[in-house]
Amino acid sequence: RYDVKFDAESVGFWHLSRLRGNRADNLGSSFGTAGIVPNGSDFFTTGVEPRGRTAESLGNWGTYTYWPDQPGDFGFGFPDVDPPHAPKDQWVSVEIMLKHNTPGIEGIDIGNGKGKGLRDGEQAFWINGELMGHWGNIRWRDDPIVSANAFVLETYLQDQLSDPRNVAFYDNV
């Protein structure tokens, strides 16, 4: 959970924060993985951020997630969400929840194929205390060595070099 406020002159952000699932023997395994679909034993990531910015808006709040069963190569926003727009110059409380799935056991079929984890993981997020989305049936990992073990505030900006107006303030992390 954290609070964030975007400067009134901000024009758009791509990423704000990330809950990262890394290998216990490689705590950086989720970094530098843009465009890579996790294989169940390497990493997973998820975050909440404004999505779909326009000239008039920072976009709506949504998820940006990498997990083994995702459609496509790049991070995916879970569907069926109609959250509010991310306002400028106003504090917003953001909360994210992740429940690990049951990992697999190498060589043993526990109901999802030999060595595969179960699809019993979950994800949810709230904006200003209001639930925006809650999803289940998620297989975050197959290997128990991978777990959510890093939370990173990362204000990745597409136009960072060409437009320095993008500023995010964080509090109550």
Protein backbone atom coordinates (compact mmCIF):
# COMPACT_ATOMS: atom_id res chain seq x y z
CA ARG A 1 0.00 0.00 0.00
CA TYR A 2 1.24 3.48 -0.77
CA ASP A 3 0.01 6.98 -1.50
CA VAL A 4 0.96 8.78 -4.69
CA LYS A 5 0.38 12.27 -6.05
CA PHE A 6 1.18 13.32 -9.60
CA ASP A 7 2.43 16.83 -10.20
CA ALA A 8 -0.16 19.06 -11.90
CA GLU A 9 2.12 19.39 -14.95
CA SER A 10 2.67 15.63 -15.42
CA VAL A 11 1.75 14.23 -18.83
CA GLY A 12 2.03 10.48 -18.30
CA PHE A 13 3.68 7.52 -16.61
CA TRP A 14 4.23 3.94 -17.72
CA HIS A 15 5.09 2.26 -14.44
CA LEU A 16 4.74 3.40 -10.83
CA SER A 17 5.44 0.41 -8.65
CA ARG A 18 6.11 -3.27 -9.05
CA LEU A 19 5.68 -6.27 -6.78
CA ARG A 20 8.37 -8.64 -8.04
CA GLY A 21 8.65 -12.38 -7.69
CA ASN A 22 12.31 -13.37 -7.91
CA ARG A 23 14.19 -16.62 -7.43
CA ALA A 24 15.55 -16.91 -3.87
CA ASP A 25 18.97 -17.70 -5.38
CA ASN A 26 18.80 -14.70 -7.78
CA LEU A 27 16.99 -11.73 -6.25
CA GLY A 28 17.38 -9.79 -9.50
CA SER A 29 15.77 -12.40 -11.76
CA SER A 30 12.71 -10.22 -12.49
CA PHE A 31 14.67 -7.12 -13.50
CA GLY A 32 15.31 -6.44 -17.19
CA THR A 33 12.55 -8.80 -18.29
CA ALA A 34 10.39 -6.55 -20.50
CA GLY A 35 8.89 -8.63 -23.28
CA ILE A 36 9.80 -11.96 -21.66
CA VAL A 37 7.04 -14.34 -20.59
CA PRO A 38 7.92 -16.04 -17.28
CA ASN A 39 8.36 -19.83 -17.45
CA GLY A 40 7.22 -20.62 -13.89
CA SER A 41 10.69 -21.02 -12.43
CA ASP A 42 12.32 -17.68 -13.20
CA PHE A 43 10.17 -14.68 -12.12
CA PHE A 44 6.82 -12.87 -12.15
CA THR A 45 5.88 -9.21 -11.66
CA THR A 46 2.75 -7.18 -11.13
CA GLY A 47 1.96 -3.56 -10.50
CA VAL A 48 -0.77 -0.94 -10.48
CA GLU A 49 -0.44 2.15 -12.66
CA PRO A 50 -2.37 4.57 -14.85
CA ARG A 51 -3.05 2.91 -18.22
CA GLY A 52 -4.10 4.34 -21.58
CA ARG A 53 -3.00 7.93 -21.17
CA THR A 54 -4.21 10.61 -23.55
CA ALA A 55 -3.33 14.27 -24.00
CA GLU A 56 -6.03 15.14 -21.44
CA SER A 57 -5.58 12.34 -18.89
CA LEU A 58 -2.96 10.24 -17.16
CA GLY A 59 -5.26 7.28 -17.90
CA ASN A 60 -7.28 4.84 -15.82
CA TRP A 61 -5.82 2.79 -12.99
CA GLY A 62 -5.01 -0.78 -14.00
CA THR A 63 -2.61 -3.68 -13.59
CA TYR A 64 0.53 -4.45 -15.55
CA THR A 65 1.49 -8.06 -14.95
CA TYR A 66 3.88 -10.75 -16.21
CA TRP A 67 2.99 -14.37 -15.38
CA PRO A 68 3.46 -17.73 -17.14
CA ASP A 69 -0.04 -17.99 -18.64
CA GLN A 70 -0.29 -14.41 -19.90
CA PRO A 71 -1.52 -13.74 -23.42
CA GLY A 72 1.19 -12.14 -25.55
CA ASP A 73 4.77 -11.13 -24.87
CA PHE A 74 4.40 -7.89 -22.94
CA GLY A 75 2.82 -7.27 -19.56
CA PHE A 76 -0.92 -7.64 -19.41
CA GLY A 77 -3.66 -5.71 -17.69
CA PHE A 78 -6.28 -8.01 -16.18
CA PRO A 79 -9.68 -7.41 -17.84
CA ASP A 80 -13.13 -6.37 -16.58
CA VAL A 81 -11.99 -3.29 -14.70
CA ASP A 82 -13.58 0.14 -14.91
CA PRO A 83 -11.46 2.16 -12.46
CA PRO A 84 -11.35 5.94 -12.16
CA HIS A 85 -8.86 8.15 -13.94
CA ALA A 86 -5.58 8.88 -12.17
CA PRO A 87 -5.93 12.51 -11.05
CA LYS A 88 -3.23 15.14 -11.01
CA ASP A 89 -2.28 17.18 -7.92
CA GLN A 90 -4.27 14.95 -5.54
CA TRP A 91 -3.14 12.21 -3.15
CA VAL A 92 -4.39 8.73 -4.06
CA SER A 93 -4.09 5.57 -1.96
CA VAL A 94 -3.04 2.49 -3.98
CA GLU A 95 -3.12 -1.03 -2.57
CA ILE A 96 -2.18 -4.27 -4.28
CA MET A 97 -2.64 -7.86 -3.09
CA LEU A 98 -1.04 -11.00 -4.42
CA LYS A 99 -1.64 -14.51 -3.14
CA HIS A 100 0.92 -17.07 -4.28
CA ASN A 101 -0.32 -20.16 -6.03
CA THR A 102 0.58 -23.66 -4.84
CA PRO A 103 3.89 -24.51 -6.56
CA GLY A 104 4.44 -27.78 -8.39
CA ILE A 105 6.43 -30.77 -7.26
CA GLU A 106 8.99 -31.87 -9.83
CA GLY A 107 7.90 -35.04 -11.60
CA ILE A 108 4.59 -35.30 -9.74
CA ASP A 109 1.20 -34.45 -11.24
CA ILE A 110 -0.73 -32.46 -8.60
CA GLY A 111 -3.61 -31.77 -10.94
CA ASN A 112 -2.00 -29.36 -13.39
CA GLY A 113 0.58 -31.48 -15.19
CA LYS A 114 3.85 -32.90 -13.87
CA GLY A 115 5.81 -30.25 -12.03
CA LYS A 116 3.36 -27.45 -12.80
CA GLY A 117 1.90 -25.26 -10.08
CA LEU A 118 -1.82 -25.01 -9.44
CA ARG A 119 -3.88 -22.11 -10.72
CA ASP A 120 -4.98 -21.06 -7.24
CA GLY A 121 -3.17 -17.71 -7.00
CA GLU A 122 -4.93 -14.36 -6.79
CA GLN A 123 -4.45 -10.67 -7.44
CA ALA A 124 -6.49 -7.61 -6.42
CA PHE A 125 -6.09 -3.86 -6.17
CA TRP A 126 -7.82 -0.95 -4.49
CA ILE A 127 -7.85 2.79 -5.20
CA ASN A 128 -8.72 4.99 -2.20
CA GLY A 129 -10.02 1.92 -0.38
CA GLU A 130 -12.40 0.86 -3.19
CA LEU A 131 -11.83 -2.56 -4.76
CA MET A 132 -11.11 -2.09 -8.47
CA GLY A 133 -10.53 -5.72 -9.44
CA HIS A 134 -9.97 -9.17 -7.97
CA TRP A 135 -8.79 -12.10 -10.11
CA GLY A 136 -8.17 -15.73 -9.29
CA ASN A 137 -7.13 -18.84 -11.20
CA ILE A 138 -3.57 -17.51 -11.55
CA ARG A 139 -0.45 -19.67 -11.79
CA TRP A 140 2.34 -17.29 -10.71
CA ARG A 141 5.01 -19.97 -10.41
CA ASP A 142 5.77 -23.65 -10.67
CA ASP A 143 8.90 -23.63 -8.52
CA PRO A 144 8.67 -22.71 -4.80
CA ILE A 145 12.04 -20.95 -5.10
CA VAL A 146 10.15 -18.09 -6.84
CA SER A 147 8.19 -15.81 -4.52
CA ALA A 148 7.09 -12.19 -4.15
CA ASN A 149 10.15 -10.79 -2.42
CA ALA A 150 10.65 -7.24 -3.73
CA PHE A 151 8.49 -4.13 -3.89
CA VAL A 152 9.92 -1.36 -6.05
CA LEU A 153 8.77 2.21 -6.62
CA GLU A 154 9.70 2.81 -10.23
CA THR A 155 8.48 5.86 -12.06
CA TYR A 156 9.33 4.69 -15.55
CA LEU A 157 8.47 7.44 -17.99
CA GLN A 158 8.21 6.99 -21.74
CA ASP A 159 8.95 10.66 -22.34
CA GLN A 160 11.35 11.15 -19.43
CA LEU A 161 14.18 12.63 -21.45
CA SER A 162 12.04 14.78 -23.72
CA ASP A 163 9.50 15.92 -21.09
CA PRO A 164 10.80 16.43 -17.53
CA ARG A 165 7.37 17.54 -16.19
CA ASN A 166 6.46 14.02 -15.00
CA VAL A 167 6.83 13.98 -11.23
CA ALA A 168 5.28 11.52 -8.77
CA PHE A 169 5.38 12.01 -5.01
CA TYR A 170 5.13 8.95 -2.74
CA ASP A 171 4.16 8.68 0.92
CA ASN A 172 3.02 6.08 3.47
CA VAL A 173 4.69 3.15 1.73
